[in-house]
């Protein structure tokens, strides 16, 4: 486990951490919360996570990966055999990044928890994730607190719950 919270880690540091992930195949948990990692650093880390088949938890909350980083994390999530929990909360992810993540979840059969609170996801993203909820039995928790979803988006998410009893938390 490598936890480095609130250390002002930038994209250069993320590049070095990605190299460590690739050189240490025993890594299971990666937590980089509240640093200064942007989409470029997100790309380095997501690519390393995608190649690592042992990581099961990624905590990247409170960075600035935006849509660029979200797209790379979507690719890491898409077919990862062990990744069960990912936090991309408070990263400036908008409609584009949210759509990429929802599409990845449609193909992933392992991920249980995705935390996307405090981003800029919209009602259109709610529709995308409602489709995920209807079609996925692996996902158990989705967190959307403090995004740009309106009551219409919340209704879309809530109506999808009837199709998926495995959802234990939808925030």
N, C-alpha and C. Protein backbone atom coordinates (compact mmCIF):
# COMPACT_ATOMS: atom_id res chain seq x y z
N UNK A 1 0.84 -1.16 0.00
CA UNK A 1 0.00 0.00 0.00
C UNK A 1 0.89 1.24 0.00
N UNK A 2 0.54 2.18 -0.85
CA UNK A 2 1.25 3.44 -0.90
C UNK A 2 0.24 4.56 -0.73
N UNK A 3 0.29 5.23 0.42
CA UNK A 3 -0.64 6.32 0.71
C UNK A 3 0.16 7.60 0.86
N UNK A 4 -0.14 8.56 0.02
CA UNK A 4 0.51 9.86 0.08
C UNK A 4 -0.56 10.93 -0.05
N UNK A 5 -1.14 11.32 1.07
CA UNK A 5 -2.21 12.31 1.08
C UNK A 5 -1.63 13.70 1.34
N UNK A 6 -2.16 14.70 0.64
CA UNK A 6 -1.85 16.11 0.88
C UNK A 6 -0.34 16.34 0.91
N UNK A 7 0.33 15.94 -0.15
CA UNK A 7 1.78 16.10 -0.23
C UNK A 7 2.22 16.96 -1.41
N UNK A 8 1.31 17.64 -2.06
CA UNK A 8 1.64 18.49 -3.20
C UNK A 8 2.30 17.71 -4.34
N UNK A 9 1.92 16.45 -4.49
CA UNK A 9 2.46 15.63 -5.57
C UNK A 9 1.91 16.16 -6.89
N UNK A 10 2.80 16.36 -7.85
CA UNK A 10 2.43 16.88 -9.17
C UNK A 10 2.50 15.74 -10.19
N UNK A 11 2.37 16.10 -11.45
CA UNK A 11 2.43 15.11 -12.53
C UNK A 11 3.80 14.43 -12.59
N UNK A 12 4.85 15.16 -12.27
CA UNK A 12 6.19 14.56 -12.27
C UNK A 12 6.27 13.47 -11.20
N UNK A 13 5.74 13.76 -10.03
CA UNK A 13 5.71 12.75 -8.96
C UNK A 13 4.83 11.57 -9.34
N UNK A 14 3.70 11.86 -10.02
CA UNK A 14 2.81 10.78 -10.46
C UNK A 14 3.52 9.86 -11.45
N UNK A 15 4.35 10.44 -12.31
CA UNK A 15 5.11 9.63 -13.28
C UNK A 15 6.05 8.67 -12.55
N UNK A 16 6.70 9.14 -11.50
CA UNK A 16 7.61 8.28 -10.72
C UNK A 16 6.83 7.21 -9.96
N UNK A 17 5.70 7.58 -9.42
CA UNK A 17 4.86 6.61 -8.71
C UNK A 17 4.36 5.54 -9.68
N UNK A 18 4.01 5.94 -10.89
CA UNK A 18 3.57 4.98 -11.91
C UNK A 18 4.67 3.97 -12.19
N UNK A 19 5.89 4.45 -12.28
CA UNK A 19 7.03 3.54 -12.51
C UNK A 19 7.18 2.55 -11.35
N UNK A 20 7.00 3.04 -10.14
CA UNK A 20 7.09 2.15 -8.96
C UNK A 20 6.01 1.09 -9.03
N UNK A 21 4.80 1.47 -9.41
CA UNK A 21 3.69 0.51 -9.54
C UNK A 21 4.07 -0.59 -10.52
N UNK A 22 4.66 -0.20 -11.63
CA UNK A 22 5.03 -1.18 -12.65
C UNK A 22 6.19 -2.07 -12.19
N UNK A 23 7.07 -1.55 -11.36
CA UNK A 23 8.23 -2.33 -10.91
C UNK A 23 7.94 -3.17 -9.67
N UNK A 24 6.84 -2.89 -8.98
CA UNK A 24 6.48 -3.62 -7.76
C UNK A 24 5.13 -4.30 -7.95
N UNK A 25 5.12 -5.51 -8.46
CA UNK A 25 3.86 -6.16 -8.81
C UNK A 25 2.99 -6.54 -7.61
N UNK A 26 3.50 -6.37 -6.40
CA UNK A 26 2.72 -6.72 -5.21
C UNK A 26 1.81 -5.58 -4.73
N UNK A 27 1.83 -4.44 -5.40
CA UNK A 27 0.98 -3.32 -4.99
C UNK A 27 -0.49 -3.72 -5.02
N UNK A 28 -1.22 -3.39 -3.98
CA UNK A 28 -2.65 -3.69 -3.90
C UNK A 28 -3.51 -2.43 -3.79
N UNK A 29 -3.00 -1.43 -3.07
CA UNK A 29 -3.77 -0.20 -2.83
C UNK A 29 -2.92 1.01 -3.19
N UNK A 30 -3.56 1.95 -3.86
CA UNK A 30 -2.89 3.18 -4.24
C UNK A 30 -3.78 4.34 -3.81
N UNK A 31 -3.28 5.18 -2.94
CA UNK A 31 -4.06 6.33 -2.47
C UNK A 31 -3.23 7.60 -2.64
N UNK A 32 -3.69 8.50 -3.51
CA UNK A 32 -3.03 9.75 -3.82
C UNK A 32 -3.96 10.90 -3.55
N UNK A 33 -4.67 10.92 -2.49
CA UNK A 33 -5.67 11.94 -2.23
C UNK A 33 -5.11 13.31 -1.95
N UNK A 34 -5.84 14.31 -2.45
CA UNK A 34 -5.58 15.71 -2.13
C UNK A 34 -4.15 16.13 -2.49
N UNK A 35 -3.81 15.93 -3.75
CA UNK A 35 -2.52 16.37 -4.26
C UNK A 35 -2.73 17.30 -5.45
N UNK A 36 -1.76 17.44 -6.31
CA UNK A 36 -1.85 18.36 -7.45
C UNK A 36 -1.69 17.63 -8.78
N UNK A 37 -2.25 16.47 -8.87
CA UNK A 37 -2.13 15.65 -10.07
C UNK A 37 -3.20 16.07 -11.08
N UNK A 38 -2.77 16.35 -12.31
CA UNK A 38 -3.69 16.76 -13.38
C UNK A 38 -3.95 15.58 -14.31
N UNK A 39 -4.55 15.86 -15.45
CA UNK A 39 -4.84 14.81 -16.42
C UNK A 39 -3.60 14.07 -16.89
N UNK A 40 -2.50 14.78 -17.04
CA UNK A 40 -1.25 14.14 -17.47
C UNK A 40 -0.78 13.13 -16.44
N UNK A 41 -0.73 13.53 -15.18
CA UNK A 41 -0.34 12.59 -14.12
C UNK A 41 -1.34 11.47 -13.97
N UNK A 42 -2.63 11.80 -14.17
CA UNK A 42 -3.66 10.76 -14.14
C UNK A 42 -3.42 9.71 -15.21
N UNK A 43 -2.96 10.16 -16.38
CA UNK A 43 -2.65 9.23 -17.48
C UNK A 43 -1.53 8.28 -17.06
N UNK A 44 -0.46 8.80 -16.46
CA UNK A 44 0.64 7.94 -16.02
C UNK A 44 0.14 6.88 -15.04
N UNK A 45 -0.61 7.33 -14.05
CA UNK A 45 -1.09 6.41 -13.01
C UNK A 45 -2.10 5.42 -13.57
N UNK A 46 -3.05 5.89 -14.36
CA UNK A 46 -4.07 4.99 -14.93
C UNK A 46 -3.43 3.93 -15.82
N UNK A 47 -2.44 4.32 -16.62
CA UNK A 47 -1.76 3.35 -17.48
C UNK A 47 -1.04 2.29 -16.64
N UNK A 48 -0.40 2.71 -15.56
CA UNK A 48 0.28 1.75 -14.69
C UNK A 48 -0.72 0.83 -14.01
N UNK A 49 -1.85 1.38 -13.58
CA UNK A 49 -2.90 0.58 -12.95
C UNK A 49 -3.47 -0.42 -13.94
N UNK A 50 -3.65 0.01 -15.16
CA UNK A 50 -4.18 -0.86 -16.20
C UNK A 50 -3.27 -2.06 -16.43
N UNK A 51 -1.96 -1.84 -16.39
CA UNK A 51 -1.00 -2.94 -16.58
C UNK A 51 -0.83 -3.80 -15.34
N UNK A 52 -1.09 -3.23 -14.17
CA UNK A 52 -0.99 -3.99 -12.92
C UNK A 52 -2.28 -4.76 -12.72
N UNK A 53 -2.18 -6.02 -12.53
CA UNK A 53 -3.39 -6.83 -12.34
C UNK A 53 -3.66 -7.12 -10.86
N UNK A 54 -2.86 -6.55 -9.97
CA UNK A 54 -3.03 -6.82 -8.54
C UNK A 54 -3.71 -5.70 -7.76
N UNK A 55 -3.68 -4.48 -8.26
CA UNK A 55 -4.29 -3.35 -7.54
C UNK A 55 -5.79 -3.54 -7.48
N UNK A 56 -6.35 -3.39 -6.29
CA UNK A 56 -7.80 -3.51 -6.13
C UNK A 56 -8.45 -2.23 -5.62
N UNK A 57 -7.65 -1.27 -5.15
CA UNK A 57 -8.21 0.00 -4.65
C UNK A 57 -7.38 1.16 -5.16
N UNK A 58 -8.07 2.19 -5.68
CA UNK A 58 -7.41 3.42 -6.11
C UNK A 58 -8.16 4.59 -5.51
N UNK A 59 -7.46 5.41 -4.76
CA UNK A 59 -8.03 6.63 -4.19
C UNK A 59 -7.32 7.84 -4.79
N UNK A 60 -8.01 8.54 -5.67
CA UNK A 60 -7.43 9.70 -6.36
C UNK A 60 -8.26 10.96 -6.09
N UNK A 61 -8.94 11.02 -4.98
CA UNK A 61 -9.82 12.16 -4.69
C UNK A 61 -9.01 13.44 -4.48
N UNK A 62 -9.66 14.54 -4.76
CA UNK A 62 -9.06 15.84 -4.45
C UNK A 62 -7.85 16.20 -5.29
N UNK A 63 -7.80 15.74 -6.52
CA UNK A 63 -6.74 16.15 -7.44
C UNK A 63 -7.38 16.99 -8.54
N UNK A 64 -6.76 17.07 -9.68
CA UNK A 64 -7.29 17.88 -10.79
C UNK A 64 -7.17 17.11 -12.09
N UNK A 65 -7.56 15.84 -12.08
CA UNK A 65 -7.36 15.03 -13.29
C UNK A 65 -8.32 15.40 -14.41
N UNK A 66 -9.47 15.97 -14.10
CA UNK A 66 -10.41 16.41 -15.10
C UNK A 66 -10.86 15.30 -16.04
N UNK A 67 -11.39 15.71 -17.19
CA UNK A 67 -11.90 14.74 -18.16
C UNK A 67 -10.78 13.91 -18.79
N UNK A 68 -9.64 14.53 -19.02
CA UNK A 68 -8.51 13.79 -19.61
C UNK A 68 -8.13 12.61 -18.72
N UNK A 69 -7.93 12.88 -17.45
CA UNK A 69 -7.57 11.81 -16.51
C UNK A 69 -8.69 10.80 -16.36
N UNK A 70 -9.94 11.28 -16.35
CA UNK A 70 -11.08 10.37 -16.22
C UNK A 70 -11.13 9.38 -17.38
N UNK A 71 -10.82 9.86 -18.60
CA UNK A 71 -10.81 8.96 -19.76
C UNK A 71 -9.76 7.87 -19.59
N UNK A 72 -8.60 8.22 -19.07
CA UNK A 72 -7.55 7.22 -18.86
C UNK A 72 -7.93 6.24 -17.74
N UNK A 73 -8.55 6.76 -16.69
CA UNK A 73 -9.01 5.86 -15.63
C UNK A 73 -10.13 4.96 -16.12
N UNK A 74 -10.96 5.46 -17.02
CA UNK A 74 -12.01 4.62 -17.61
C UNK A 74 -11.39 3.43 -18.32
N UNK A 75 -10.32 3.67 -19.06
CA UNK A 75 -9.64 2.56 -19.75
C UNK A 75 -9.03 1.58 -18.74
N UNK A 76 -8.50 2.10 -17.65
CA UNK A 76 -7.94 1.22 -16.61
C UNK A 76 -9.04 0.37 -15.97
N UNK A 77 -10.21 0.96 -15.79
CA UNK A 77 -11.33 0.27 -15.16
C UNK A 77 -11.95 -0.77 -16.10
N UNK A 78 -12.01 -0.46 -17.37
CA UNK A 78 -12.78 -1.23 -18.35
C UNK A 78 -12.61 -2.75 -18.21
N UNK A 79 -11.41 -3.26 -18.19
CA UNK A 79 -11.21 -4.71 -18.16
C UNK A 79 -10.28 -5.16 -17.04
N UNK A 80 -10.13 -4.33 -16.02
CA UNK A 80 -9.22 -4.70 -14.93
C UNK A 80 -9.78 -5.88 -14.16
N UNK A 81 -8.99 -6.93 -13.93
CA UNK A 81 -9.52 -8.14 -13.30
C UNK A 81 -9.72 -8.07 -11.78
N UNK A 82 -9.13 -7.09 -11.11
CA UNK A 82 -9.21 -7.04 -9.64
C UNK A 82 -9.65 -5.72 -9.06
N UNK A 83 -9.73 -4.69 -9.83
CA UNK A 83 -10.05 -3.37 -9.32
C UNK A 83 -11.48 -3.35 -8.80
N UNK A 84 -11.63 -3.18 -7.48
CA UNK A 84 -12.97 -3.24 -6.89
C UNK A 84 -13.48 -1.90 -6.36
N UNK A 85 -12.59 -0.92 -6.14
CA UNK A 85 -13.03 0.38 -5.62
C UNK A 85 -12.15 1.48 -6.18
N UNK A 86 -12.79 2.54 -6.69
CA UNK A 86 -12.07 3.68 -7.24
C UNK A 86 -12.75 4.96 -6.77
N UNK A 87 -11.94 5.87 -6.23
CA UNK A 87 -12.45 7.19 -5.88
C UNK A 87 -11.79 8.23 -6.78
N UNK A 88 -12.63 8.88 -7.56
CA UNK A 88 -12.19 10.01 -8.39
C UNK A 88 -12.97 11.26 -7.97
N UNK A 89 -13.32 11.33 -6.72
CA UNK A 89 -14.09 12.45 -6.19
C UNK A 89 -13.26 13.74 -6.26
N UNK A 90 -13.97 14.85 -6.44
CA UNK A 90 -13.36 16.18 -6.40
C UNK A 90 -12.18 16.31 -7.35
N UNK A 91 -12.42 16.01 -8.63
CA UNK A 91 -11.37 16.05 -9.63
C UNK A 91 -11.72 16.90 -10.84
N UNK A 92 -12.81 17.65 -10.80
CA UNK A 92 -13.19 18.49 -11.93
C UNK A 92 -13.66 17.70 -13.14
N UNK A 93 -14.23 16.53 -12.91
CA UNK A 93 -14.72 15.69 -14.00
C UNK A 93 -16.09 16.20 -14.44
N UNK A 94 -16.25 16.42 -15.75
CA UNK A 94 -17.50 16.93 -16.30
C UNK A 94 -18.20 15.83 -17.10
N UNK A 95 -19.14 16.25 -17.92
CA UNK A 95 -19.94 15.34 -18.74
C UNK A 95 -19.09 14.36 -19.53
N UNK A 96 -18.04 14.84 -20.18
CA UNK A 96 -17.20 14.01 -21.05
C UNK A 96 -16.52 12.89 -20.27
N UNK A 97 -15.88 13.22 -19.18
CA UNK A 97 -15.22 12.21 -18.36
C UNK A 97 -16.21 11.26 -17.72
N UNK A 98 -17.35 11.79 -17.29
CA UNK A 98 -18.39 10.94 -16.71
C UNK A 98 -18.92 9.93 -17.70
N UNK A 99 -19.11 10.36 -18.93
CA UNK A 99 -19.59 9.44 -19.98
C UNK A 99 -18.57 8.32 -20.22
N UNK A 100 -17.29 8.65 -20.23
CA UNK A 100 -16.24 7.63 -20.41
C UNK A 100 -16.27 6.62 -19.27
N UNK A 101 -16.42 7.10 -18.06
CA UNK A 101 -16.45 6.20 -16.89
C UNK A 101 -17.68 5.30 -16.92
N UNK A 102 -18.84 5.84 -17.28
CA UNK A 102 -20.05 5.02 -17.36
C UNK A 102 -19.90 3.93 -18.42
N UNK A 103 -19.33 4.29 -19.57
CA UNK A 103 -19.11 3.30 -20.64
C UNK A 103 -18.18 2.19 -20.16
N UNK A 104 -17.16 2.54 -19.41
CA UNK A 104 -16.23 1.53 -18.90
C UNK A 104 -16.92 0.59 -17.92
N UNK A 105 -17.81 1.14 -17.10
CA UNK A 105 -18.52 0.29 -16.13
C UNK A 105 -19.44 -0.71 -16.80
N UNK A 106 -19.91 -0.40 -17.98
CA UNK A 106 -20.77 -1.35 -18.70
C UNK A 106 -20.01 -2.61 -19.09
N UNK A 107 -18.70 -2.50 -19.22
CA UNK A 107 -17.89 -3.64 -19.60
C UNK A 107 -17.20 -4.30 -18.41
N UNK A 108 -17.04 -3.57 -17.32
CA UNK A 108 -16.35 -4.10 -16.16
C UNK A 108 -17.29 -5.00 -15.35
N UNK A 109 -16.79 -6.14 -14.91
CA UNK A 109 -17.60 -7.07 -14.12
C UNK A 109 -17.08 -7.24 -12.70
N UNK A 110 -16.13 -6.41 -12.30
CA UNK A 110 -15.48 -6.57 -11.00
C UNK A 110 -15.70 -5.37 -10.07
N UNK A 111 -15.66 -4.17 -10.62
CA UNK A 111 -15.72 -2.96 -9.79
C UNK A 111 -17.00 -2.92 -8.96
N UNK A 112 -16.85 -2.69 -7.67
CA UNK A 112 -17.98 -2.65 -6.75
C UNK A 112 -18.35 -1.23 -6.34
N UNK A 113 -17.35 -0.36 -6.22
CA UNK A 113 -17.60 1.00 -5.71
C UNK A 113 -16.90 2.03 -6.59
N UNK A 114 -17.66 3.06 -6.97
CA UNK A 114 -17.09 4.18 -7.71
C UNK A 114 -17.60 5.45 -7.05
N UNK A 115 -16.68 6.23 -6.54
CA UNK A 115 -17.02 7.47 -5.86
C UNK A 115 -16.68 8.64 -6.77
N UNK A 116 -17.71 9.36 -7.18
CA UNK A 116 -17.55 10.50 -8.09
C UNK A 116 -18.15 11.78 -7.51
N UNK A 117 -18.27 11.85 -6.20
CA UNK A 117 -18.87 13.04 -5.60
C UNK A 117 -17.96 14.26 -5.80
N UNK A 118 -18.58 15.43 -5.72
CA UNK A 118 -17.91 16.72 -5.83
C UNK A 118 -17.18 16.90 -7.17
N UNK A 119 -17.84 16.48 -8.24
CA UNK A 119 -17.36 16.75 -9.59
C UNK A 119 -18.38 17.64 -10.28
N UNK A 120 -18.48 17.58 -11.59
CA UNK A 120 -19.41 18.43 -12.34
C UNK A 120 -20.29 17.59 -13.26
N UNK A 121 -20.73 16.44 -12.76
CA UNK A 121 -21.55 15.53 -13.55
C UNK A 121 -22.98 16.08 -13.68
N UNK A 122 -23.62 15.80 -14.81
CA UNK A 122 -24.91 16.39 -15.14
C UNK A 122 -26.02 15.35 -15.20
N UNK A 123 -27.22 15.80 -15.54
CA UNK A 123 -28.34 14.89 -15.72
C UNK A 123 -28.07 13.89 -16.85
N UNK A 124 -27.36 14.31 -17.88
CA UNK A 124 -27.00 13.38 -18.96
C UNK A 124 -26.11 12.27 -18.43
N UNK A 125 -25.21 12.61 -17.52
CA UNK A 125 -24.39 11.58 -16.88
C UNK A 125 -25.26 10.66 -16.02
N UNK A 126 -26.25 11.24 -15.35
CA UNK A 126 -27.16 10.42 -14.55
C UNK A 126 -27.84 9.38 -15.43
N UNK A 127 -28.23 9.77 -16.64
CA UNK A 127 -28.83 8.81 -17.59
C UNK A 127 -27.85 7.71 -17.95
N UNK A 128 -26.59 8.07 -18.17
CA UNK A 128 -25.57 7.07 -18.49
C UNK A 128 -25.38 6.09 -17.34
N UNK A 129 -25.31 6.61 -16.12
CA UNK A 129 -25.10 5.74 -14.97
C UNK A 129 -26.36 4.95 -14.63
N UNK A 130 -27.53 5.48 -14.94
CA UNK A 130 -28.76 4.71 -14.77
C UNK A 130 -28.74 3.48 -15.66
N UNK A 131 -28.22 3.62 -16.88
CA UNK A 131 -28.05 2.47 -17.77
C UNK A 131 -27.10 1.45 -17.16
N UNK A 132 -26.03 1.93 -16.53
CA UNK A 132 -25.08 1.04 -15.86
C UNK A 132 -25.79 0.28 -14.74
N UNK A 133 -26.54 0.99 -13.93
CA UNK A 133 -27.25 0.36 -12.81
C UNK A 133 -28.19 -0.73 -13.32
N UNK A 134 -28.90 -0.46 -14.39
CA UNK A 134 -29.83 -1.44 -14.94
C UNK A 134 -29.13 -2.69 -15.48
N UNK A 135 -27.91 -2.54 -15.97
CA UNK A 135 -27.26 -3.66 -16.65
C UNK A 135 -26.16 -4.35 -15.85
N UNK A 136 -25.68 -3.76 -14.77
CA UNK A 136 -24.56 -4.33 -14.03
C UNK A 136 -25.01 -4.91 -12.69
N UNK A 137 -24.55 -6.11 -12.41
CA UNK A 137 -24.83 -6.68 -11.10
C UNK A 137 -23.59 -6.62 -10.20
N UNK A 138 -22.47 -6.17 -10.74
CA UNK A 138 -21.26 -6.11 -9.91
C UNK A 138 -21.18 -4.83 -9.10
N UNK A 139 -21.66 -3.72 -9.65
CA UNK A 139 -21.54 -2.44 -8.95
C UNK A 139 -22.49 -2.41 -7.74
N UNK A 140 -21.96 -1.99 -6.59
CA UNK A 140 -22.74 -1.92 -5.36
C UNK A 140 -22.90 -0.49 -4.84
N UNK A 141 -21.90 0.35 -5.11
CA UNK A 141 -21.96 1.72 -4.60
C UNK A 141 -21.57 2.72 -5.69
N UNK A 142 -22.40 3.73 -5.85
CA UNK A 142 -22.10 4.87 -6.72
C UNK A 142 -22.39 6.14 -5.91
N UNK A 143 -21.41 7.01 -5.83
CA UNK A 143 -21.59 8.25 -5.08
C UNK A 143 -21.52 9.43 -6.03
N UNK A 144 -22.58 10.24 -6.02
CA UNK A 144 -22.68 11.41 -6.88
C UNK A 144 -22.97 12.69 -6.09
N UNK A 145 -22.74 12.69 -4.82
CA UNK A 145 -23.04 13.85 -3.98
C UNK A 145 -22.34 15.10 -4.53
N UNK A 146 -23.06 16.21 -4.53
CA UNK A 146 -22.50 17.52 -4.88
C UNK A 146 -21.94 17.57 -6.30
N UNK A 147 -22.77 17.16 -7.26
CA UNK A 147 -22.47 17.33 -8.67
C UNK A 147 -23.47 18.33 -9.24
N UNK A 148 -23.65 18.37 -10.54
CA UNK A 148 -24.58 19.31 -11.17
C UNK A 148 -25.86 18.62 -11.62
N UNK A 149 -26.19 17.53 -10.98
CA UNK A 149 -27.42 16.81 -11.31
C UNK A 149 -28.60 17.51 -10.66
N UNK A 150 -29.71 17.54 -11.39
CA UNK A 150 -30.93 18.14 -10.86
C UNK A 150 -31.86 17.01 -10.41
N UNK A 151 -33.06 17.38 -10.02
CA UNK A 151 -34.04 16.39 -9.60
C UNK A 151 -34.33 15.40 -10.74
N UNK A 152 -34.22 15.85 -11.98
CA UNK A 152 -34.44 14.95 -13.12
C UNK A 152 -33.39 13.85 -13.18
N UNK A 153 -32.14 14.20 -12.94
CA UNK A 153 -31.08 13.20 -12.91
C UNK A 153 -31.25 12.23 -11.76
N UNK A 154 -31.64 12.76 -10.62
CA UNK A 154 -31.88 11.91 -9.46
C UNK A 154 -33.01 10.92 -9.74
N UNK A 155 -34.05 11.39 -10.41
CA UNK A 155 -35.17 10.50 -10.77
C UNK A 155 -34.70 9.36 -11.69
N UNK A 156 -33.86 9.70 -12.65
CA UNK A 156 -33.33 8.67 -13.56
C UNK A 156 -32.56 7.60 -12.78
N UNK A 157 -31.71 8.05 -11.88
CA UNK A 157 -30.93 7.10 -11.07
C UNK A 157 -31.86 6.27 -10.18
N UNK A 158 -32.80 6.92 -9.52
CA UNK A 158 -33.71 6.22 -8.61
C UNK A 158 -34.56 5.20 -9.35
N UNK A 159 -35.04 5.55 -10.54
CA UNK A 159 -35.89 4.61 -11.28
C UNK A 159 -35.12 3.37 -11.74
N UNK A 160 -33.82 3.49 -11.89
CA UNK A 160 -33.02 2.33 -12.33
C UNK A 160 -32.80 1.32 -11.21
N UNK A 161 -32.99 1.73 -9.97
CA UNK A 161 -32.74 0.84 -8.84
C UNK A 161 -33.63 -0.39 -8.83
N UNK A 162 -34.83 -0.27 -9.37
CA UNK A 162 -35.74 -1.42 -9.38
C UNK A 162 -35.20 -2.59 -10.19
N UNK A 163 -34.25 -2.32 -11.07
CA UNK A 163 -33.68 -3.36 -11.92
C UNK A 163 -32.42 -3.99 -11.33
N UNK A 164 -31.94 -3.45 -10.21
CA UNK A 164 -30.67 -3.92 -9.68
C UNK A 164 -30.68 -3.96 -8.16
N UNK A 165 -30.99 -5.11 -7.57
CA UNK A 165 -31.00 -5.23 -6.12
C UNK A 165 -29.60 -5.25 -5.48
N UNK A 166 -28.56 -5.33 -6.31
CA UNK A 166 -27.21 -5.37 -5.73
C UNK A 166 -26.69 -3.99 -5.31
N UNK A 167 -27.36 -2.92 -5.73
CA UNK A 167 -26.94 -1.57 -5.31
C UNK A 167 -27.26 -1.40 -3.82
N UNK A 168 -26.23 -1.15 -3.03
CA UNK A 168 -26.42 -0.94 -1.60
C UNK A 168 -26.32 0.53 -1.21
N UNK A 169 -25.63 1.33 -2.05
CA UNK A 169 -25.52 2.77 -1.78
C UNK A 169 -25.54 3.53 -3.09
N UNK A 170 -26.44 4.48 -3.14
CA UNK A 170 -26.50 5.42 -4.27
C UNK A 170 -26.66 6.80 -3.64
N UNK A 171 -25.61 7.55 -3.62
CA UNK A 171 -25.61 8.86 -2.97
C UNK A 171 -25.47 9.93 -4.02
